[in-house]
Amino acid sequence: MADDDLTDVLAAVGPRLRALRRDRDTTLAQLSEATGISLSTLSRLESGRRKPTLELLLPLAKAYNVRLDELVDAPATGDPRVHLRPFTRHGRTFMPLARHLGGLQAYKEIIPGQRPGERLEQQVHEGYDWLYVLSGRLRLLLGEHDLVLTPGEAAEFDTRVPHAFGSAGPQPVEILTLFGAQGERMHVRAHPTAREAD
């Protein structure tokens, strides 16, 4: 590995660790207790002021239950397959589709069927979301709108608008979702057909 590549990989470790900790809803104090690494060391490691070492990364990998190469996003060795583990949050199953923890995040999400009496609670937060329905029926509450999306339909929205989404009935729904925590939008490019070009 070239020196520049190594420098880039090491520089990306801190932001990846911070994103992973926030994704797991863990505080620095909880992580310090789980790993035995001091709060100041963890903080400096996440901010990039402390160089990651094997002695620091091994207990972090164990605490997060991830492989060491996932923590450092080691360069590919020729195998293009992405081996990421699904996780469950609030009863929904998320399958990461990319290793990158910053910027746009891509997931396949499986949402269980709606339970009797279950209500969707709208929320707001920073970011921008893009959804594509693979199977089932998705109910999307967006501000004053109450929509049902079916397979092949997509929606995109600023997450500062009150929103919620879930299954539109008793059957589960599968979606692809792209989320940008900093408000990144998806850019779609299309080439004009011969008729449109005339």
C-alpha atoms as a PDB file:
ATOM      1  CA  MET A   1       0.000   0.000   0.000  1.00  0.00           C
ATOM      2  CA  ALA A   2       1.368   3.413  -0.953  1.00  0.00           C
ATOM      3  CA  ASP A   3       2.099   5.923   1.840  1.00  0.00           C
ATOM      4  CA  ASP A   4      -0.646   8.251   0.575  1.00  0.00           C
ATOM      5  CA  ASP A   5      -3.176   5.396   0.619  1.00  0.00           C
ATOM      6  CA  LEU A   6      -2.155   4.442   4.169  1.00  0.00           C
ATOM      7  CA  THR A   7      -2.479   8.057   5.324  1.00  0.00           C
ATOM      8  CA  ASP A   8      -5.965   8.295   3.776  1.00  0.00           C
ATOM      9  CA  VAL A   9      -7.086   5.025   5.403  1.00  0.00           C
ATOM     10  CA  LEU A  10      -5.824   6.113   8.843  1.00  0.00           C
ATOM     11  CA  ALA A  11      -7.373   9.582   8.514  1.00  0.00           C
ATOM     12  CA  ALA A  12     -10.780   8.027   7.777  1.00  0.00           C
ATOM     13  CA  VAL A  13     -10.763   5.809  10.890  1.00  0.00           C
ATOM     14  CA  GLY A  14     -11.778   8.569  13.348  1.00  0.00           C
ATOM     15  CA  PRO A  15     -14.893   9.691  11.450  1.00  0.00           C
ATOM     16  CA  ARG A  16     -15.850   6.039  10.857  1.00  0.00           C
ATOM     17  CA  LEU A  17     -15.571   5.300  14.582  1.00  0.00           C
ATOM     18  CA  ARG A  18     -17.654   8.363  15.482  1.00  0.00           C
ATOM     19  CA  ALA A  19     -20.337   7.439  12.913  1.00  0.00           C
ATOM     20  CA  LEU A  20     -20.413   3.838  14.145  1.00  0.00           C
ATOM     21  CA  ARG A  21     -20.757   4.927  17.784  1.00  0.00           C
ATOM     22  CA  ARG A  22     -23.589   7.329  16.941  1.00  0.00           C
ATOM     23  CA  ASP A  23     -25.255   4.702  14.752  1.00  0.00           C
ATOM     24  CA  ARG A  24     -25.212   2.328  17.754  1.00  0.00           C
ATOM     25  CA  ASP A  25     -26.566   5.102  20.007  1.00  0.00           C
ATOM     26  CA  THR A  26     -23.590   4.726  22.367  1.00  0.00           C
ATOM     27  CA  THR A  27     -21.929   7.447  24.430  1.00  0.00           C
ATOM     28  CA  LEU A  28     -18.176   7.859  24.837  1.00  0.00           C
ATOM     29  CA  ALA A  29     -18.603   6.998  28.526  1.00  0.00           C
ATOM     30  CA  GLN A  30     -20.388   3.727  27.697  1.00  0.00           C
ATOM     31  CA  LEU A  31     -17.742   2.861  25.117  1.00  0.00           C
ATOM     32  CA  SER A  32     -14.962   3.666  27.590  1.00  0.00           C
ATOM     33  CA  GLU A  33     -16.537   1.340  30.144  1.00  0.00           C
ATOM     34  CA  ALA A  34     -16.944  -1.468  27.584  1.00  0.00           C
ATOM     35  CA  THR A  35     -13.400  -1.229  26.197  1.00  0.00           C
ATOM     36  CA  GLY A  36     -11.284   0.063  29.076  1.00  0.00           C
ATOM     37  CA  ILE A  37     -10.030   2.878  26.834  1.00  0.00           C
ATOM     38  CA  SER A  38     -10.059   6.314  28.479  1.00  0.00           C
ATOM     39  CA  LEU A  39     -12.619   8.940  27.458  1.00  0.00           C
ATOM     40  CA  SER A  40      -9.892  11.342  26.324  1.00  0.00           C
ATOM     41  CA  THR A  41      -8.235   8.672  24.150  1.00  0.00           C
ATOM     42  CA  LEU A  42     -11.558   7.756  22.529  1.00  0.00           C
ATOM     43  CA  SER A  43     -12.345  11.415  21.890  1.00  0.00           C
ATOM     44  CA  ARG A  44      -8.910  12.071  20.359  1.00  0.00           C
ATOM     45  CA  LEU A  45      -9.181   8.902  18.277  1.00  0.00           C
ATOM     46  CA  GLU A  46     -12.563   9.956  16.839  1.00  0.00           C
ATOM     47  CA  SER A  47     -11.359  13.509  16.131  1.00  0.00           C
ATOM     48  CA  GLY A  48      -8.205  12.255  14.382  1.00  0.00           C
ATOM     49  CA  ARG A  49      -5.819  13.697  16.989  1.00  0.00           C
ATOM     50  CA  ARG A  50      -4.750  10.185  18.029  1.00  0.00           C
ATOM     51  CA  LYS A  51      -3.359   7.677  15.546  1.00  0.00           C
ATOM     52  CA  PRO A  52      -5.312   4.391  15.576  1.00  0.00           C
ATOM     53  CA  THR A  53      -3.263   1.433  16.777  1.00  0.00           C
ATOM     54  CA  LEU A  54      -4.038  -2.261  16.932  1.00  0.00           C
ATOM     55  CA  GLU A  55      -4.218  -2.032  20.746  1.00  0.00           C
ATOM     56  CA  LEU A  56      -7.031   0.531  20.436  1.00  0.00           C
ATOM     57  CA  LEU A  57      -8.861  -0.926  17.441  1.00  0.00           C
ATOM     58  CA  LEU A  58      -9.128  -4.534  18.679  1.00  0.00           C
ATOM     59  CA  PRO A  59     -11.250  -3.729  21.776  1.00  0.00           C
ATOM     60  CA  LEU A  60     -13.357  -1.314  19.692  1.00  0.00           C
ATOM     61  CA  ALA A  61     -14.016  -3.998  17.061  1.00  0.00           C
ATOM     62  CA  LYS A  62     -15.035  -6.370  19.847  1.00  0.00           C
ATOM     63  CA  ALA A  63     -17.309  -3.775  21.499  1.00  0.00           C
ATOM     64  CA  TYR A  64     -19.045  -3.020  18.182  1.00  0.00           C
ATOM     65  CA  ASN A  65     -19.079  -6.692  17.144  1.00  0.00           C
ATOM     66  CA  VAL A  66     -17.514  -5.935  13.758  1.00  0.00           C
ATOM     67  CA  ARG A  67     -14.437  -7.221  11.960  1.00  0.00           C
ATOM     68  CA  LEU A  68     -11.292  -5.133  12.260  1.00  0.00           C
ATOM     69  CA  ASP A  69     -11.174  -4.486   8.489  1.00  0.00           C
ATOM     70  CA  GLU A  70     -14.678  -2.983   8.701  1.00  0.00           C
ATOM     71  CA  LEU A  71     -13.462  -0.497  11.307  1.00  0.00           C
ATOM     72  CA  VAL A  72     -10.619   0.729   9.131  1.00  0.00           C
ATOM     73  CA  ASP A  73     -12.329   0.200   5.765  1.00  0.00           C
ATOM     74  CA  ALA A  74      -9.308  -1.672   4.492  1.00  0.00           C
ATOM     75  CA  PRO A  75      -8.829  -1.421   0.714  1.00  0.00           C
ATOM     76  CA  ALA A  76     -10.331  -4.209  -1.348  1.00  0.00           C
ATOM     77  CA  THR A  77      -8.115  -7.166  -2.121  1.00  0.00           C
ATOM     78  CA  GLY A  78      -9.756  -8.064  -5.417  1.00  0.00           C
ATOM     79  CA  ASP A  79     -13.031  -9.511  -4.128  1.00  0.00           C
ATOM     80  CA  PRO A  80     -15.816  -7.024  -5.027  1.00  0.00           C
ATOM     81  CA  ARG A  81     -18.416  -8.582  -2.731  1.00  0.00           C
ATOM     82  CA  VAL A  82     -19.605  -6.507   0.217  1.00  0.00           C
ATOM     83  CA  HIS A  83     -19.942  -8.599   3.383  1.00  0.00           C
ATOM     84  CA  LEU A  84     -21.922  -6.408   5.740  1.00  0.00           C
ATOM     85  CA  ARG A  85     -24.099  -7.704   8.531  1.00  0.00           C
ATOM     86  CA  PRO A  86     -27.786  -6.823   8.850  1.00  0.00           C
ATOM     87  CA  PHE A  87     -28.962  -5.236  12.089  1.00  0.00           C
ATOM     88  CA  THR A  88     -32.357  -4.622  13.663  1.00  0.00           C
ATOM     89  CA  ARG A  89     -33.606  -1.314  15.047  1.00  0.00           C
ATOM     90  CA  HIS A  90     -37.155  -0.632  16.309  1.00  0.00           C
ATOM     91  CA  GLY A  91     -38.294  -3.977  14.870  1.00  0.00           C
ATOM     92  CA  ARG A  92     -37.012  -3.153  11.379  1.00  0.00           C
ATOM     93  CA  THR A  93     -34.198  -5.057   9.667  1.00  0.00           C
ATOM     94  CA  PHE A  94     -31.531  -3.007   7.896  1.00  0.00           C
ATOM     95  CA  MET A  95     -29.058  -4.505   5.433  1.00  0.00           C
ATOM     96  CA  PRO A  96     -26.209  -2.070   4.694  1.00  0.00           C
ATOM     97  CA  LEU A  97     -25.402  -1.894   0.991  1.00  0.00           C
ATOM     98  CA  ALA A  98     -22.159   0.060   1.341  1.00  0.00           C
ATOM     99  CA  ARG A  99     -19.272   0.204   3.797  1.00  0.00           C
ATOM    100  CA  HIS A 100     -18.975   3.976   3.872  1.00  0.00           C
ATOM    101  CA  LEU A 101     -20.341   5.376   7.152  1.00  0.00           C
ATOM    102  CA  GLY A 102     -20.267   9.048   6.186  1.00  0.00           C
ATOM    103  CA  GLY A 103     -22.156  10.871   3.436  1.00  0.00           C
ATOM    104  CA  LEU A 104     -24.963   8.993   1.706  1.00  0.00           C
ATOM    105  CA  GLN A 105     -25.866   5.722   3.409  1.00  0.00           C
ATOM    106  CA  ALA A 106     -27.591   2.930   1.470  1.00  0.00           C
ATOM    107  CA  TYR A 107     -29.740   0.202   3.017  1.00  0.00           C
ATOM    108  CA  LYS A 108     -32.266  -2.440   2.106  1.00  0.00           C
ATOM    109  CA  GLU A 109     -34.884  -2.183   4.839  1.00  0.00           C
ATOM    110  CA  ILE A 110     -37.537  -4.735   5.773  1.00  0.00           C
ATOM    111  CA  ILE A 111     -40.448  -3.230   7.708  1.00  0.00           C
ATOM    112  CA  PRO A 112     -42.815  -5.667   9.434  1.00  0.00           C
ATOM    113  CA  GLY A 113     -46.544  -5.562   8.750  1.00  0.00           C
ATOM    114  CA  GLN A 114     -48.666  -3.035  10.576  1.00  0.00           C
ATOM    115  CA  ARG A 115     -50.064  -4.270  13.896  1.00  0.00           C
ATOM    116  CA  PRO A 116     -53.688  -3.548  14.878  1.00  0.00           C
ATOM    117  CA  GLY A 117     -53.927  -0.092  16.447  1.00  0.00           C
ATOM    118  CA  GLU A 118     -50.360   0.820  15.490  1.00  0.00           C
ATOM    119  CA  ARG A 119     -49.869   4.515  14.638  1.00  0.00           C
ATOM    120  CA  LEU A 120     -47.058   6.177  12.750  1.00  0.00           C
ATOM    121  CA  GLU A 121     -45.479   9.056  14.672  1.00  0.00           C
ATOM    122  CA  GLN A 122     -43.988  11.770  12.477  1.00  0.00           C
ATOM    123  CA  GLN A 123     -40.550  13.102  13.325  1.00  0.00           C
ATOM    124  CA  VAL A 124     -38.089  15.649  11.992  1.00  0.00           C
ATOM    125  CA  HIS A 125     -34.294  15.615  11.847  1.00  0.00           C
ATOM    126  CA  GLU A 126     -31.455  16.840   9.676  1.00  0.00           C
ATOM    127  CA  GLY A 127     -30.933  15.030   6.398  1.00  0.00           C
ATOM    128  CA  TYR A 128     -32.454  13.996   3.100  1.00  0.00           C
ATOM    129  CA  ASP A 129     -34.086  10.624   2.358  1.00  0.00           C
ATOM    130  CA  TRP A 130     -34.802   8.694  -0.824  1.00  0.00           C
ATOM    131  CA  LEU A 131     -37.012   5.554  -0.785  1.00  0.00           C
ATOM    132  CA  TYR A 132     -37.764   2.925  -3.426  1.00  0.00           C
ATOM    133  CA  VAL A 133     -40.362   0.185  -2.807  1.00  0.00           C
ATOM    134  CA  LEU A 134     -39.216  -3.335  -3.748  1.00  0.00           C
ATOM    135  CA  SER A 135     -42.222  -5.289  -2.482  1.00  0.00           C
ATOM    136  CA  GLY A 136     -45.309  -4.723  -0.369  1.00  0.00           C
ATOM    137  CA  ARG A 137     -47.082  -1.426   0.247  1.00  0.00           C
ATOM    138  CA  LEU A 138     -45.398   1.482   2.025  1.00  0.00           C
ATOM    139  CA  ARG A 139     -47.380   4.154   3.854  1.00  0.00           C
ATOM    140  CA  LEU A 140     -45.585   7.503   3.847  1.00  0.00           C
ATOM    141  CA  LEU A 141     -46.750  10.381   6.020  1.00  0.00           C
ATOM    142  CA  LEU A 142     -45.040  13.553   4.820  1.00  0.00           C
ATOM    143  CA  GLY A 143     -46.276  16.788   6.339  1.00  0.00           C
ATOM    144  CA  GLU A 144     -49.985  16.899   5.497  1.00  0.00           C
ATOM    145  CA  HIS A 145     -49.704  14.133   2.872  1.00  0.00           C
ATOM    146  CA  ASP A 146     -50.719  10.517   3.522  1.00  0.00           C
ATOM    147  CA  LEU A 147     -49.459   8.376   0.618  1.00  0.00           C
ATOM    148  CA  VAL A 148     -49.270   4.672  -0.215  1.00  0.00           C
ATOM    149  CA  LEU A 149     -46.367   3.614  -2.439  1.00  0.00           C
ATOM    150  CA  THR A 150     -46.328   0.283  -4.282  1.00  0.00           C
ATOM    151  CA  PRO A 151     -43.459  -1.700  -5.874  1.00  0.00           C
ATOM    152  CA  GLY A 152     -41.512   0.388  -8.362  1.00  0.00           C
ATOM    153  CA  GLU A 153     -42.517   3.715  -6.827  1.00  0.00           C
ATOM    154  CA  ALA A 154     -40.033   6.072  -5.178  1.00  0.00           C
ATOM    155  CA  ALA A 155     -40.151   9.146  -2.950  1.00  0.00           C
ATOM    156  CA  GLU A 156     -37.558  11.684  -1.880  1.00  0.00           C
ATOM    157  CA  PHE A 157     -37.860  14.339   0.800  1.00  0.00           C
ATOM    158  CA  ASP A 158     -36.088  16.677   3.159  1.00  0.00           C
ATOM    159  CA  THR A 159     -36.224  15.045   6.604  1.00  0.00           C
ATOM    160  CA  ARG A 160     -36.791  18.426   8.253  1.00  0.00           C
ATOM    161  CA  VAL A 161     -40.386  18.005   7.002  1.00  0.00           C
ATOM    162  CA  PRO A 162     -42.416  15.958   9.548  1.00  0.00           C
ATOM    163  CA  HIS A 163     -42.436  12.394   8.239  1.00  0.00           C
ATOM    164  CA  ALA A 164     -42.970   8.739   9.074  1.00  0.00           C
ATOM    165  CA  PHE A 165     -43.221   5.573   7.032  1.00  0.00           C
ATOM    166  CA  GLY A 166     -44.197   1.969   7.623  1.00  0.00           C
ATOM    167  CA  SER A 167     -46.145  -0.910   6.168  1.00  0.00           C
ATOM    168  CA  ALA A 168     -49.538   0.085   4.728  1.00  0.00           C
ATOM    169  CA  GLY A 169     -51.105  -3.175   5.887  1.00  0.00           C
ATOM    170  CA  PRO A 170     -50.492  -6.491   7.664  1.00  0.00           C
ATOM    171  CA  GLN A 171     -47.837  -7.601   5.156  1.00  0.00           C
ATOM    172  CA  PRO A 172     -44.168  -6.561   5.448  1.00  0.00           C
ATOM    173  CA  VAL A 173     -42.708  -4.079   2.987  1.00  0.00           C
ATOM    174  CA  GLU A 174     -39.173  -4.077   1.549  1.00  0.00           C
ATOM    175  CA  ILE A 175     -37.546  -0.837   0.458  1.00  0.00           C
ATOM    176  CA  LEU A 176     -34.230   0.525  -0.682  1.00  0.00           C
ATOM    177  CA  THR A 177     -33.310   3.694   1.142  1.00  0.00           C
ATOM    178  CA  LEU A 178     -30.587   6.271   0.639  1.00  0.00           C
ATOM    179  CA  PHE A 179     -30.105   8.693   3.493  1.00  0.00           C
ATOM    180  CA  GLY A 180     -27.820  11.699   3.690  1.00  0.00           C
ATOM    181  CA  ALA A 181     -27.368  12.906   7.282  1.00  0.00           C
ATOM    182  CA  GLN A 182     -26.016  16.253   6.099  1.00  0.00           C
ATOM    183  CA  GLY A 183     -28.868  16.813   3.649  1.00  0.00           C
ATOM    184  CA  GLU A 184     -27.144  15.336   0.592  1.00  0.00           C
ATOM    185  CA  ARG A 185     -29.554  14.724  -2.262  1.00  0.00           C
ATOM    186  CA  MET A 186     -29.357  11.938  -4.787  1.00  0.00           C
ATOM    187  CA  HIS A 187     -28.340  13.089  -8.265  1.00  0.00           C
ATOM    188  CA  VAL A 188     -30.112  11.292 -11.091  1.00  0.00           C
ATOM    189  CA  ARG A 189     -28.632  11.479 -14.565  1.00  0.00           C
ATOM    190  CA  ALA A 190     -30.464  10.414 -17.680  1.00  0.00           C
ATOM    191  CA  HIS A 191     -29.538  10.552 -21.348  1.00  0.00           C
ATOM    192  CA  PRO A 192     -32.187  11.932 -23.713  1.00  0.00           C
ATOM    193  CA  THR A 193     -33.728   9.524 -26.175  1.00  0.00           C
ATOM    194  CA  ALA A 194     -33.188  10.160 -29.884  1.00  0.00           C
ATOM    195  CA  ARG A 195     -36.656  11.779 -30.120  1.00  0.00           C
ATOM    196  CA  GLU A 196     -35.949  14.133 -27.144  1.00  0.00           C
ATOM    197  CA  ALA A 197     -32.591  15.144 -28.649  1.00  0.00           C
ATOM    198  CA  ASP A 198     -34.248  16.354 -31.891  1.00  0.00           C
END
